[in-house]
Protein backbone atom coordinates (compact mmCIF):
# COMPACT_ATOMS: atom_id res chain seq x y z
CA MET A 1 4.65 0.77 -29.82
CA PRO A 2 5.48 -2.77 -28.64
CA THR A 3 2.60 -5.23 -28.76
CA ASN A 4 3.98 -7.93 -26.47
CA ASN A 5 3.85 -5.87 -23.26
CA GLN A 6 7.23 -7.24 -22.21
CA ASN A 7 8.00 -4.28 -19.91
CA LEU A 8 4.55 -4.33 -18.33
CA MET A 9 4.77 -8.08 -17.68
CA GLY A 10 8.26 -7.71 -16.20
CA ALA A 11 7.00 -5.01 -13.85
CA LEU A 12 3.99 -7.17 -12.93
CA LEU A 13 6.33 -10.05 -12.11
CA ASP A 14 8.33 -7.66 -9.90
CA ALA A 15 5.08 -6.64 -8.18
CA GLN A 16 4.11 -10.27 -7.62
CA ARG A 17 7.52 -11.01 -6.13
CA ALA A 18 7.23 -7.95 -3.85
CA ALA A 19 3.74 -9.01 -2.75
CA ALA A 20 4.96 -12.53 -1.97
CA ALA A 21 7.97 -11.22 -0.04
CA GLU A 22 5.92 -8.74 1.96
CA GLY A 23 2.85 -10.90 2.45
CA ALA A 24 -0.72 -9.68 2.41
CA PRO A 25 -1.81 -7.13 5.00
CA PRO A 26 -3.22 -8.52 8.24
CA PRO A 27 -6.98 -8.87 8.69
CA ASP A 28 -8.58 -5.55 9.58
CA ALA A 29 -12.25 -6.52 9.69
CA THR A 30 -14.47 -9.19 11.24
CA ASN A 31 -17.46 -11.00 9.81
CA THR A 32 -19.66 -10.90 12.90
CA HIS A 33 -22.23 -13.30 11.46
CA HIS A 34 -19.75 -16.11 10.78
CA GLY A 35 -17.10 -15.03 13.29
CA TYR A 36 -13.95 -14.79 11.19
CA ASP A 37 -11.44 -12.04 10.50
CA TYR A 38 -10.61 -10.94 6.97
CA ILE A 39 -8.77 -8.31 4.96
CA SER A 40 -11.27 -5.66 3.87
CA GLY A 41 -11.53 -4.78 0.21
CA LYS A 42 -10.40 -1.23 0.96
CA ALA A 43 -7.28 -2.41 2.80
CA LEU A 44 -6.40 -4.92 0.09
CA ALA A 45 -6.91 -2.32 -2.67
CA ALA A 46 -4.70 0.24 -0.89
CA TRP A 47 -1.96 -2.34 -0.26
CA GLY A 48 -2.15 -3.60 -3.85
CA ARG A 49 -1.99 -0.12 -5.34
CA ARG A 50 1.15 0.60 -3.33
CA ILE A 51 2.80 -2.65 -4.47
CA LEU A 52 1.88 -1.94 -8.11
CA THR A 53 3.02 1.70 -7.94
CA ASP A 54 6.34 0.73 -6.35
CA SER A 55 6.84 -1.59 -9.34
CA GLY A 56 6.12 1.18 -11.86
CA LEU A 57 2.55 0.12 -12.61
CA VAL A 58 -0.76 1.97 -12.48
CA LEU A 59 -4.15 0.31 -12.18
CA ALA A 60 -7.05 2.50 -13.25
CA VAL A 61 -10.79 1.96 -13.45
CA PHE A 62 -12.24 3.80 -16.41
CA ALA A 63 -15.88 2.85 -16.59
CA GLY A 64 -18.60 0.90 -14.89
CA GLU A 65 -21.88 -0.35 -16.21
CA ILE A 66 -24.71 -2.03 -14.35
CA ARG A 67 -26.24 -4.73 -16.49
CA GLU A 68 -28.67 -7.58 -16.13
CA ARG A 69 -27.49 -11.13 -16.68
CA ARG A 70 -29.86 -14.02 -17.29
CA VAL A 71 -29.05 -17.18 -15.35
CA ALA A 72 -30.45 -20.62 -16.08
CA THR A 73 -30.13 -23.47 -13.61
CA THR A 74 -31.54 -26.97 -13.52
CA GLY A 75 -34.22 -27.55 -10.93
CA PRO A 76 -34.85 -30.72 -8.94
CA THR A 77 -35.39 -33.94 -10.86
CA GLN A 78 -39.06 -34.83 -11.20
CA ARG A 79 -40.59 -38.29 -10.85
CA ASP A 80 -40.63 -38.71 -14.62
CA GLY A 81 -36.86 -38.03 -14.74
CA SER A 82 -37.16 -34.56 -16.19
CA ALA A 83 -35.54 -31.56 -14.61
CA PRO A 84 -37.07 -28.13 -15.18
CA VAL A 85 -34.89 -25.24 -16.24
CA LEU A 86 -35.25 -22.38 -13.80
CA GLU A 87 -34.48 -18.93 -15.16
CA SER A 88 -33.67 -15.87 -13.14
CA SER A 89 -31.74 -12.68 -13.57
CA MET A 90 -29.15 -10.86 -11.55
CA LEU A 91 -27.49 -7.48 -11.71
CA GLU A 92 -23.77 -7.17 -12.14
CA LEU A 93 -21.33 -4.29 -12.18
CA ALA A 94 -19.02 -4.55 -15.18
CA ARG A 95 -15.97 -2.32 -14.76
CA THR A 96 -13.21 -1.63 -17.25
CA TYR A 97 -9.75 -1.89 -15.72
CA CYS A 98 -6.48 -0.77 -17.27
CA LEU A 99 -3.06 -1.86 -16.02
CA ALA A 100 -0.43 0.49 -17.40
CA HIS A 101 3.36 0.70 -17.37
CA PRO A 102 3.84 4.43 -17.99
CA ALA A 103 7.60 4.21 -18.53
CA SER A 104 7.12 2.05 -21.64
CA GLY A 105 3.65 3.15 -22.70
CA GLU A 106 2.40 -0.45 -22.51
CA SER A 107 -1.02 -1.27 -21.11
CA LEU A 108 -3.65 -3.98 -20.84
CA SER A 109 -7.38 -3.37 -20.50
CA TRP A 110 -10.17 -5.77 -19.62
CA VAL A 111 -13.72 -5.84 -18.33
CA ALA A 112 -14.40 -7.63 -15.04
CA PRO A 113 -18.01 -8.22 -13.93
CA TRP A 114 -18.98 -8.62 -10.28
CA PRO A 115 -22.46 -9.52 -8.96
CA ILE A 116 -24.53 -6.89 -7.22
CA VAL A 117 -26.06 -8.72 -4.28
CA THR A 118 -29.07 -7.04 -2.74
CA THR A 119 -30.33 -8.64 0.44
CA ALA A 120 -32.88 -7.63 3.02
CA GLY A 121 -31.87 -4.29 4.45
CA LYS A 122 -29.23 -3.49 1.79
CA GLU A 123 -30.14 -0.78 -0.68
CA ALA A 124 -29.19 -1.19 -4.33
CA ASP A 125 -26.67 1.69 -4.26
CA LYS A 126 -24.89 0.16 -1.25
CA ALA A 127 -24.86 -3.23 -2.98
CA ALA A 128 -23.34 -1.64 -6.11
CA GLY A 129 -20.67 0.03 -3.97
CA ALA A 130 -19.87 -3.30 -2.32
CA ALA A 131 -19.59 -4.90 -5.78
CA ALA A 132 -17.13 -2.19 -6.84
CA THR A 133 -14.97 -2.66 -3.74
CA LEU A 134 -15.00 -6.46 -3.85
CA GLY A 135 -14.40 -6.53 -7.59
CA LEU A 136 -11.33 -4.32 -7.20
CA ALA A 137 -10.05 -6.45 -4.30
CA TYR A 138 -10.31 -9.62 -6.38
CA VAL A 139 -8.64 -7.93 -9.36
CA MET A 140 -5.76 -7.04 -7.02
CA ARG A 141 -5.63 -10.60 -5.72
CA GLY A 142 -5.42 -11.91 -9.25
CA LEU A 143 -2.80 -9.44 -10.43
CA LEU A 144 -0.58 -9.99 -7.41
CA GLY A 145 -1.01 -13.75 -7.26
CA LEU A 146 -2.72 -13.96 -3.88
CA ALA A 147 -4.89 -16.89 -2.87
CA ASP A 148 -8.62 -16.17 -2.64
């Protein structure tokens, strides 16, 4: 089996060219708090899957794991010039993606983490679902060369 993924990369380039020619889908949702329109993660994922499929590619999600990540930040500078290190933790959803070119048998797999953001009024399961949707949308953006 080839190890350079030449066919897969050629198909991905075709998908990127198709995405650029077609343009991203129009905004289908509104952020009511900040008052702007945006493309929902679901709409972007559906559009991206169609572009990839038309180019002979398949994007699959094989696994997801919720894990805790420790985060250290520097706090405000004190009068003596020192700055305390503030530690916290956050949950993230780490999903394994696989981009495959079935015609050649070539594939690439990677793990992409996305933060699970729980806020007042948002249950953990809903936050994990949002992380899954947003993570997939940003994977699509990256694969197809779209601006954030």
